[in-house]
All heavy atoms as atom14 arrays in JSON, in Angstrom:
{
  "sequence": "KAPAETPAPAIELLPPPSDTAFHHSQTPQSENEFAMTL",
  "atom14_mask": [
    [1, 1, 1, 1, 1, 1, 1, 1, 1, 0, 0, 0, 0, 0],
    [1, 1, 1, 1, 1, 0, 0, 0, 0, 0, 0, 0, 0, 0],
    [1, 1, 1, 1, 1, 1, 1, 0, 0, 0, 0, 0, 0, 0],
    [1, 1, 1, 1, 1, 0, 0, 0, 0, 0, 0, 0, 0, 0],
    [1, 1, 1, 1, 1, 1, 1, 1, 1, 0, 0, 0, 0, 0],
    [1, 1, 1, 1, 1, 1, 1, 0, 0, 0, 0, 0, 0, 0],
    [1, 1, 1, 1, 1, 1, 1, 0, 0, 0, 0, 0, 0, 0],
    [1, 1, 1, 1, 1, 0, 0, 0, 0, 0, 0, 0, 0, 0],
    [1, 1, 1, 1, 1, 1, 1, 0, 0, 0, 0, 0, 0, 0],
    [1, 1, 1, 1, 1, 0, 0, 0, 0, 0, 0, 0, 0, 0],
    [1, 1, 1, 1, 1, 1, 1, 1, 0, 0, 0, 0, 0, 0],
    [1, 1, 1, 1, 1, 1, 1, 1, 1, 0, 0, 0, 0, 0],
    [1, 1, 1, 1, 1, 1, 1, 1, 0, 0, 0, 0, 0, 0],
    [1, 1, 1, 1, 1, 1, 1, 1, 0, 0, 0, 0, 0, 0],
    [1, 1, 1, 1, 1, 1, 1, 0, 0, 0, 0, 0, 0, 0],
    [1, 1, 1, 1, 1, 1, 1, 0, 0, 0, 0, 0, 0, 0],
    [1, 1, 1, 1, 1, 1, 1, 0, 0, 0, 0, 0, 0, 0],
    [1, 1, 1, 1, 1, 1, 0, 0, 0, 0, 0, 0, 0, 0],
    [1, 1, 1, 1, 1, 1, 1, 1, 0, 0, 0, 0, 0, 0],
    [1, 1, 1, 1, 1, 1, 1, 0, 0, 0, 0, 0, 0, 0],
    [1, 1, 1, 1, 1, 0, 0, 0, 0, 0, 0, 0, 0, 0],
    [1, 1, 1, 1, 1, 1, 1, 1, 1, 1, 1, 0, 0, 0],
    [1, 1, 1, 1, 1, 1, 1, 1, 1, 1, 0, 0, 0, 0],
    [1, 1, 1, 1, 1, 1, 1, 1, 1, 1, 0, 0, 0, 0],
    [1, 1, 1, 1, 1, 1, 0, 0, 0, 0, 0, 0, 0, 0],
    [1, 1, 1, 1, 1, 1, 1, 1, 1, 0, 0, 0, 0, 0],
    [1, 1, 1, 1, 1, 1, 1, 0, 0, 0, 0, 0, 0, 0],
    [1, 1, 1, 1, 1, 1, 1, 0, 0, 0, 0, 0, 0, 0],
    [1, 1, 1, 1, 1, 1, 1, 1, 1, 0, 0, 0, 0, 0],
    [1, 1, 1, 1, 1, 1, 0, 0, 0, 0, 0, 0, 0, 0],
    [1, 1, 1, 1, 1, 1, 1, 1, 1, 0, 0, 0, 0, 0],
    [1, 1, 1, 1, 1, 1, 1, 1, 0, 0, 0, 0, 0, 0],
    [1, 1, 1, 1, 1, 1, 1, 1, 1, 0, 0, 0, 0, 0],
    [1, 1, 1, 1, 1, 1, 1, 1, 1, 1, 1, 0, 0, 0],
    [1, 1, 1, 1, 1, 0, 0, 0, 0, 0, 0, 0, 0, 0],
    [1, 1, 1, 1, 1, 1, 1, 1, 0, 0, 0, 0, 0, 0],
    [1, 1, 1, 1, 1, 1, 1, 0, 0, 0, 0, 0, 0, 0],
    [1, 1, 1, 1, 1, 1, 1, 1, 0, 0, 0, 0, 0, 0]
  ],
  "atom14_positions": [
    [[-10.81, -16.44, 8.17], [-10.33, -16.29, 9.55], [-11.06, -15.13, 10.22], [-11.44, -14.17, 9.58], [-8.83, -15.99, 9.56], [-7.98, -17.11, 9.05], [-6.52, -16.73, 9.11], [-5.65, -17.85, 8.56], [-4.25, -17.5, 8.6], [0.0, 0.0, 0.0], [0.0, 0.0, 0.0], [0.0, 0.0, 0.0], [0.0, 0.0, 0.0], [0.0, 0.0, 0.0]],
    [[-11.22, -15.25, 11.5], [-11.75, -14.13, 12.28], [-10.61, -13.14, 12.48], [-9.45, -13.55, 12.61], [-12.28, -14.62, 13.63], [0.0, 0.0, 0.0], [0.0, 0.0, 0.0], [0.0, 0.0, 0.0], [0.0, 0.0, 0.0], [0.0, 0.0, 0.0], [0.0, 0.0, 0.0], [0.0, 0.0, 0.0], [0.0, 0.0, 0.0], [0.0, 0.0, 0.0]],
    [[-10.92, -11.84, 12.5], [-9.85, -10.86, 12.69], [-8.97, -11.13, 13.91], [-7.77, -10.93, 13.86], [-10.59, -9.53, 12.81], [-11.83, -9.74, 12.01], [-12.2, -11.18, 12.26], [0.0, 0.0, 0.0], [0.0, 0.0, 0.0], [0.0, 0.0, 0.0], [0.0, 0.0, 0.0], [0.0, 0.0, 0.0], [0.0, 0.0, 0.0], [0.0, 0.0, 0.0]],
    [[-9.54, -11.62, 14.99], [-8.75, -11.91, 16.18], [-7.75, -13.03, 15.94], [-6.73, -13.13, 16.61], [-9.66, -12.26, 17.35], [0.0, 0.0, 0.0], [0.0, 0.0, 0.0], [0.0, 0.0, 0.0], [0.0, 0.0, 0.0], [0.0, 0.0, 0.0], [0.0, 0.0, 0.0], [0.0, 0.0, 0.0], [0.0, 0.0, 0.0], [0.0, 0.0, 0.0]],
    [[-8.03, -13.91, 14.96], [-7.13, -15.02, 14.64], [-5.98, -14.58, 13.73], [-5.05, -15.33, 13.51], [-7.88, -16.13, 13.92], [-8.95, -16.8, 14.75], [-9.78, -17.76, 13.92], [-9.57, -17.86, 12.69], [-10.65, -18.39, 14.5], [0.0, 0.0, 0.0], [0.0, 0.0, 0.0], [0.0, 0.0, 0.0], [0.0, 0.0, 0.0], [0.0, 0.0, 0.0]],
    [[-6.09, -13.37, 13.21], [-5.1, -12.89, 12.27], [-3.76, -12.75, 12.98], [-3.66, -12.03, 13.98], [-5.5, -11.52, 11.69], [-6.77, -11.66, 11.08], [-4.5, -11.03, 10.68], [0.0, 0.0, 0.0], [0.0, 0.0, 0.0], [0.0, 0.0, 0.0], [0.0, 0.0, 0.0], [0.0, 0.0, 0.0], [0.0, 0.0, 0.0], [0.0, 0.0, 0.0]],
    [[-2.73, -13.42, 12.5], [-1.42, -13.29, 13.17], [-0.83, -11.91, 12.96], [-1.07, -11.27, 11.94], [-0.57, -14.36, 12.48], [-1.22, -14.59, 11.16], [-2.69, -14.31, 11.35], [0.0, 0.0, 0.0], [0.0, 0.0, 0.0], [0.0, 0.0, 0.0], [0.0, 0.0, 0.0], [0.0, 0.0, 0.0], [0.0, 0.0, 0.0], [0.0, 0.0, 0.0]],
    [[-0.09, -11.46, 13.94], [0.6, -10.16, 13.82], [1.63, -10.27, 12.7], [2.29, -11.29, 12.56], [1.27, -9.8, 15.13], [0.0, 0.0, 0.0], [0.0, 0.0, 0.0], [0.0, 0.0, 0.0], [0.0, 0.0, 0.0], [0.0, 0.0, 0.0], [0.0, 0.0, 0.0], [0.0, 0.0, 0.0], [0.0, 0.0, 0.0], [0.0, 0.0, 0.0]],
    [[1.76, -9.23, 11.89], [2.75, -9.27, 10.81], [4.16, -9.24, 11.38], [4.39, -8.84, 12.52], [2.46, -8.0, 10.01], [1.75, -7.1, 10.95], [1.03, -7.97, 11.93], [0.0, 0.0, 0.0], [0.0, 0.0, 0.0], [0.0, 0.0, 0.0], [0.0, 0.0, 0.0], [0.0, 0.0, 0.0], [0.0, 0.0, 0.0], [0.0, 0.0, 0.0]],
    [[5.08, -9.64, 10.55], [6.48, -9.57, 10.94], [6.86, -8.11, 11.13], [6.17, -7.21, 10.66], [7.35, -10.19, 9.84], [0.0, 0.0, 0.0], [0.0, 0.0, 0.0], [0.0, 0.0, 0.0], [0.0, 0.0, 0.0], [0.0, 0.0, 0.0], [0.0, 0.0, 0.0], [0.0, 0.0, 0.0], [0.0, 0.0, 0.0], [0.0, 0.0, 0.0]],
    [[7.96, -7.87, 11.83], [8.41, -6.5, 12.08], [8.59, -5.75, 10.78], [8.22, -4.6, 10.65], [9.71, -6.49, 12.91], [9.41, -7.0, 14.32], [10.32, -5.12, 12.96], [10.62, -7.25, 15.16], [0.0, 0.0, 0.0], [0.0, 0.0, 0.0], [0.0, 0.0, 0.0], [0.0, 0.0, 0.0], [0.0, 0.0, 0.0], [0.0, 0.0, 0.0]],
    [[9.13, -6.42, 9.77], [9.29, -5.8, 8.47], [8.31, -6.44, 7.5], [8.48, -7.57, 7.08], [10.72, -5.98, 7.96], [10.97, -5.28, 6.65], [12.4, -5.43, 6.17], [13.22, -5.98, 6.89], [12.67, -5.0, 5.05], [0.0, 0.0, 0.0], [0.0, 0.0, 0.0], [0.0, 0.0, 0.0], [0.0, 0.0, 0.0], [0.0, 0.0, 0.0]],
    [[7.26, -5.73, 7.17], [6.23, -6.23, 6.28], [6.71, -6.05, 4.85], [7.16, -4.98, 4.47], [4.93, -5.47, 6.51], [3.72, -5.94, 5.74], [3.37, -7.38, 6.1], [2.55, -5.04, 6.03], [0.0, 0.0, 0.0], [0.0, 0.0, 0.0], [0.0, 0.0, 0.0], [0.0, 0.0, 0.0], [0.0, 0.0, 0.0], [0.0, 0.0, 0.0]],
    [[6.58, -7.1, 4.07], [7.05, -7.09, 2.68], [5.92, -6.74, 1.74], [4.76, -6.94, 2.05], [7.63, -8.45, 2.33], [8.81, -8.89, 3.19], [9.21, -10.31, 2.83], [9.98, -7.94, 3.04], [0.0, 0.0, 0.0], [0.0, 0.0, 0.0], [0.0, 0.0, 0.0], [0.0, 0.0, 0.0], [0.0, 0.0, 0.0], [0.0, 0.0, 0.0]],
    [[6.27, -6.24, 0.55], [5.23, -6.01, -0.47], [4.54, -7.32, -0.82], [5.08, -8.4, -0.6], [6.02, -5.47, -1.66], [7.3, -4.98, -1.09], [7.59, -5.85, 0.09], [0.0, 0.0, 0.0], [0.0, 0.0, 0.0], [0.0, 0.0, 0.0], [0.0, 0.0, 0.0], [0.0, 0.0, 0.0], [0.0, 0.0, 0.0], [0.0, 0.0, 0.0]],
    [[3.35, -7.23, -1.4], [2.63, -8.46, -1.76], [3.33, -9.18, -2.91], [4.13, -8.58, -3.63], [1.27, -7.93, -2.2], [1.53, -6.54, -2.65], [2.64, -6.03, -1.78], [0.0, 0.0, 0.0], [0.0, 0.0, 0.0], [0.0, 0.0, 0.0], [0.0, 0.0, 0.0], [0.0, 0.0, 0.0], [0.0, 0.0, 0.0], [0.0, 0.0, 0.0]],
    [[3.04, -10.46, -3.09], [3.63, -11.2, -4.21], [3.32, -10.53, -5.55], [2.25, -9.96, -5.73], [2.96, -12.58, -4.12], [2.5, -12.7, -2.7], [2.17, -11.3, -2.27], [0.0, 0.0, 0.0], [0.0, 0.0, 0.0], [0.0, 0.0, 0.0], [0.0, 0.0, 0.0], [0.0, 0.0, 0.0], [0.0, 0.0, 0.0], [0.0, 0.0, 0.0]],
    [[4.24, -10.63, -6.48], [4.1, -9.94, -7.77], [2.99, -10.5, -8.64], [2.54, -9.83, -9.57], [5.42, -9.97, -8.54], [5.78, -11.3, -8.81], [0.0, 0.0, 0.0], [0.0, 0.0, 0.0], [0.0, 0.0, 0.0], [0.0, 0.0, 0.0], [0.0, 0.0, 0.0], [0.0, 0.0, 0.0], [0.0, 0.0, 0.0], [0.0, 0.0, 0.0]],
    [[2.51, -11.69, -8.34], [1.45, -12.28, -9.17], [0.05, -12.03, -8.6], [-0.91, -12.67, -9.0], [1.68, -13.78, -9.35], [1.67, -14.55, -8.05], [1.76, -13.92, -6.96], [1.56, -15.79, -8.09], [0.0, 0.0, 0.0], [0.0, 0.0, 0.0], [0.0, 0.0, 0.0], [0.0, 0.0, 0.0], [0.0, 0.0, 0.0], [0.0, 0.0, 0.0]],
    [[-0.06, -11.06, -7.67], [-1.37, -10.74, -7.11], [-1.82, -9.36, -7.57], [-1.01, -8.53, -7.97], [-1.35, -10.75, -5.57], [-0.57, -9.64, -5.11], [-0.8, -12.06, -5.03], [0.0, 0.0, 0.0], [0.0, 0.0, 0.0], [0.0, 0.0, 0.0], [0.0, 0.0, 0.0], [0.0, 0.0, 0.0], [0.0, 0.0, 0.0], [0.0, 0.0, 0.0]],
    [[-3.12, -9.12, -7.47], [-3.67, -7.81, -7.84], [-3.19, -6.71, -6.9], [-3.31, -5.53, -7.22], [-5.2, -7.87, -7.81], [0.0, 0.0, 0.0], [0.0, 0.0, 0.0], [0.0, 0.0, 0.0], [0.0, 0.0, 0.0], [0.0, 0.0, 0.0], [0.0, 0.0, 0.0], [0.0, 0.0, 0.0], [0.0, 0.0, 0.0], [0.0, 0.0, 0.0]],
    [[-2.6, -7.08, -5.77], [-2.12, -6.09, -4.81], [-0.72, -5.57, -5.15], [-0.27, -4.6, -4.58], [-2.13, -6.66, -3.39], [-3.51, -6.79, -2.84], [-4.27, -7.93, -3.07], [-4.06, -5.77, -2.1], [-5.55, -8.04, -2.58], [-5.34, -5.87, -1.6], [-6.08, -7.01, -1.84], [0.0, 0.0, 0.0], [0.0, 0.0, 0.0], [0.0, 0.0, 0.0]],
    [[-0.04, -6.23, -6.07], [1.29, -5.77, -6.47], [1.12, -4.6, -7.42], [0.33, -4.65, -8.35], [2.08, -6.89, -7.13], [3.53, -6.58, -7.25], [4.05, -5.86, -8.3], [4.57, -6.85, -6.43], [5.35, -5.73, -8.13], [5.69, -6.3, -7.0], [0.0, 0.0, 0.0], [0.0, 0.0, 0.0], [0.0, 0.0, 0.0], [0.0, 0.0, 0.0]],
    [[1.85, -3.53, -7.18], [1.65, -2.31, -7.97], [1.98, -2.47, -9.45], [1.54, -1.66, -10.25], [2.42, -1.15, -7.35], [1.78, -0.68, -6.08], [2.35, 0.23, -5.26], [0.61, -1.02, -5.48], [1.58, 0.45, -4.22], [0.51, -0.3, -4.33], [0.0, 0.0, 0.0], [0.0, 0.0, 0.0], [0.0, 0.0, 0.0], [0.0, 0.0, 0.0]],
    [[2.69, -3.51, -9.83], [2.92, -3.73, -11.25], [1.65, -4.19, -11.96], [1.58, -4.18, -13.18], [4.03, -4.78, -11.45], [3.6, -6.05, -10.99], [0.0, 0.0, 0.0], [0.0, 0.0, 0.0], [0.0, 0.0, 0.0], [0.0, 0.0, 0.0], [0.0, 0.0, 0.0], [0.0, 0.0, 0.0], [0.0, 0.0, 0.0], [0.0, 0.0, 0.0]],
    [[0.64, -4.58, -11.19], [-0.61, -5.08, -11.75], [-1.69, -3.99, -11.84], [-2.82, -4.28, -12.21], [-1.14, -6.23, -10.89], [-0.18, -7.37, -10.7], [0.15, -8.09, -11.99], [-0.71, -8.28, -12.85], [1.39, -8.49, -12.16], [0.0, 0.0, 0.0], [0.0, 0.0, 0.0], [0.0, 0.0, 0.0], [0.0, 0.0, 0.0], [0.0, 0.0, 0.0]],
    [[-1.36, -2.75, -11.49], [-2.38, -1.7, -11.47], [-2.62, -1.13, -12.86], [-1.71, -1.11, -13.69], [-1.98, -0.55, -10.52], [-0.8, 0.06, -11.01], [-1.78, -1.04, -9.11], [0.0, 0.0, 0.0], [0.0, 0.0, 0.0], [0.0, 0.0, 0.0], [0.0, 0.0, 0.0], [0.0, 0.0, 0.0], [0.0, 0.0, 0.0], [0.0, 0.0, 0.0]],
    [[-3.86, -0.65, -13.11], [-4.16, -0.08, -14.42], [-3.44, 1.25, -14.68], [-3.24, 1.62, -15.81], [-5.67, 0.12, -14.41], [-6.15, -0.19, -13.05], [-5.03, -0.75, -12.26], [0.0, 0.0, 0.0], [0.0, 0.0, 0.0], [0.0, 0.0, 0.0], [0.0, 0.0, 0.0], [0.0, 0.0, 0.0], [0.0, 0.0, 0.0], [0.0, 0.0, 0.0]],
    [[-3.06, 1.97, -13.63], [-2.31, 3.21, -13.8], [-0.87, 2.98, -13.35], [-0.54, 1.9, -12.86], [-2.98, 4.37, -13.04], [-3.09, 4.24, -11.54], [-4.33, 3.54, -11.06], [-4.48, 2.38, -11.32], [-5.19, 4.22, -10.34], [0.0, 0.0, 0.0], [0.0, 0.0, 0.0], [0.0, 0.0, 0.0], [0.0, 0.0, 0.0], [0.0, 0.0, 0.0]],
    [[-0.03, 3.96, -13.54], [1.37, 3.79, -13.16], [1.49, 3.66, -11.65], [0.64, 4.13, -10.9], [2.21, 4.97, -13.66], [2.04, 6.09, -12.81], [0.0, 0.0, 0.0], [0.0, 0.0, 0.0], [0.0, 0.0, 0.0], [0.0, 0.0, 0.0], [0.0, 0.0, 0.0], [0.0, 0.0, 0.0], [0.0, 0.0, 0.0], [0.0, 0.0, 0.0]],
    [[2.56, 3.01, -11.23], [2.81, 2.83, -9.8], [2.88, 4.17, -9.08], [2.31, 4.34, -8.0], [4.11, 2.05, -9.6], [4.39, 1.71, -8.16], [5.6, 0.82, -7.99], [6.1, 0.27, -8.99], [6.06, 0.68, -6.85], [0.0, 0.0, 0.0], [0.0, 0.0, 0.0], [0.0, 0.0, 0.0], [0.0, 0.0, 0.0], [0.0, 0.0, 0.0]],
    [[3.55, 5.16, -9.69], [3.66, 6.47, -9.07], [2.3, 7.15, -8.95], [2.02, 7.82, -7.96], [4.63, 7.37, -9.83], [6.06, 6.96, -9.6], [6.38, 6.27, -8.63], [6.94, 7.38, -10.49], [0.0, 0.0, 0.0], [0.0, 0.0, 0.0], [0.0, 0.0, 0.0], [0.0, 0.0, 0.0], [0.0, 0.0, 0.0], [0.0, 0.0, 0.0]],
    [[1.45, 6.99, -9.96], [0.12, 7.59, -9.93], [-0.67, 7.07, -8.74], [-1.27, 7.84, -7.99], [-0.66, 7.23, -11.2], [-0.75, 8.29, -12.24], [-1.65, 7.8, -13.37], [-1.21, 6.94, -14.16], [-2.8, 8.27, -13.44], [0.0, 0.0, 0.0], [0.0, 0.0, 0.0], [0.0, 0.0, 0.0], [0.0, 0.0, 0.0], [0.0, 0.0, 0.0]],
    [[-0.69, 5.75, -8.59], [-1.47, 5.2, -7.49], [-0.81, 5.46, -6.15], [-1.51, 5.66, -5.15], [-1.76, 3.71, -7.68], [-2.8, 3.22, -6.71], [-4.1, 3.7, -6.77], [-2.47, 2.34, -5.69], [-5.06, 3.3, -5.85], [-3.42, 1.93, -4.77], [-4.73, 2.41, -4.85], [0.0, 0.0, 0.0], [0.0, 0.0, 0.0], [0.0, 0.0, 0.0]],
    [[0.5, 5.51, -6.1], [1.18, 5.88, -4.85], [0.75, 7.27, -4.41], [0.49, 7.5, -3.22], [2.7, 5.81, -5.02], [0.0, 0.0, 0.0], [0.0, 0.0, 0.0], [0.0, 0.0, 0.0], [0.0, 0.0, 0.0], [0.0, 0.0, 0.0], [0.0, 0.0, 0.0], [0.0, 0.0, 0.0], [0.0, 0.0, 0.0], [0.0, 0.0, 0.0]],
    [[0.62, 8.2, -5.36], [0.17, 9.55, -5.01], [-1.29, 9.53, -4.57], [-1.69, 10.3, -3.7], [0.38, 10.51, -6.17], [1.85, 10.79, -6.47], [2.84, 11.23, -5.01], [2.04, 12.73, -4.5], [0.0, 0.0, 0.0], [0.0, 0.0, 0.0], [0.0, 0.0, 0.0], [0.0, 0.0, 0.0], [0.0, 0.0, 0.0], [0.0, 0.0, 0.0]],
    [[-2.1, 8.63, -5.14], [-3.48, 8.48, -4.69], [-3.49, 8.05, -3.23], [-4.28, 8.57, -2.43], [-4.25, 7.46, -5.55], [-4.31, 7.97, -6.9], [-5.64, 7.21, -5.03], [0.0, 0.0, 0.0], [0.0, 0.0, 0.0], [0.0, 0.0, 0.0], [0.0, 0.0, 0.0], [0.0, 0.0, 0.0], [0.0, 0.0, 0.0], [0.0, 0.0, 0.0]],
    [[-2.6, 7.13, -2.86], [-2.53, 6.68, -1.47], [-2.1, 7.82, -0.55], [-2.64, 7.97, 0.55], [-1.59, 5.48, -1.34], [-2.05, 4.21, -2.04], [-1.0, 3.11, -1.86], [-3.41, 3.75, -1.56], [0.0, 0.0, 0.0], [0.0, 0.0, 0.0], [0.0, 0.0, 0.0], [0.0, 0.0, 0.0], [0.0, 0.0, 0.0], [0.0, 0.0, 0.0]]
  ]
}
């Protein structure tokens, strides 16, 4: 998709699905470690 075609997110954006690399349970370090990196 072109960025302009990207729909606006819902007012309350949810965490990514748990079966994706974007879910913090899938990270090589602890969730708290990477949260502090962010």
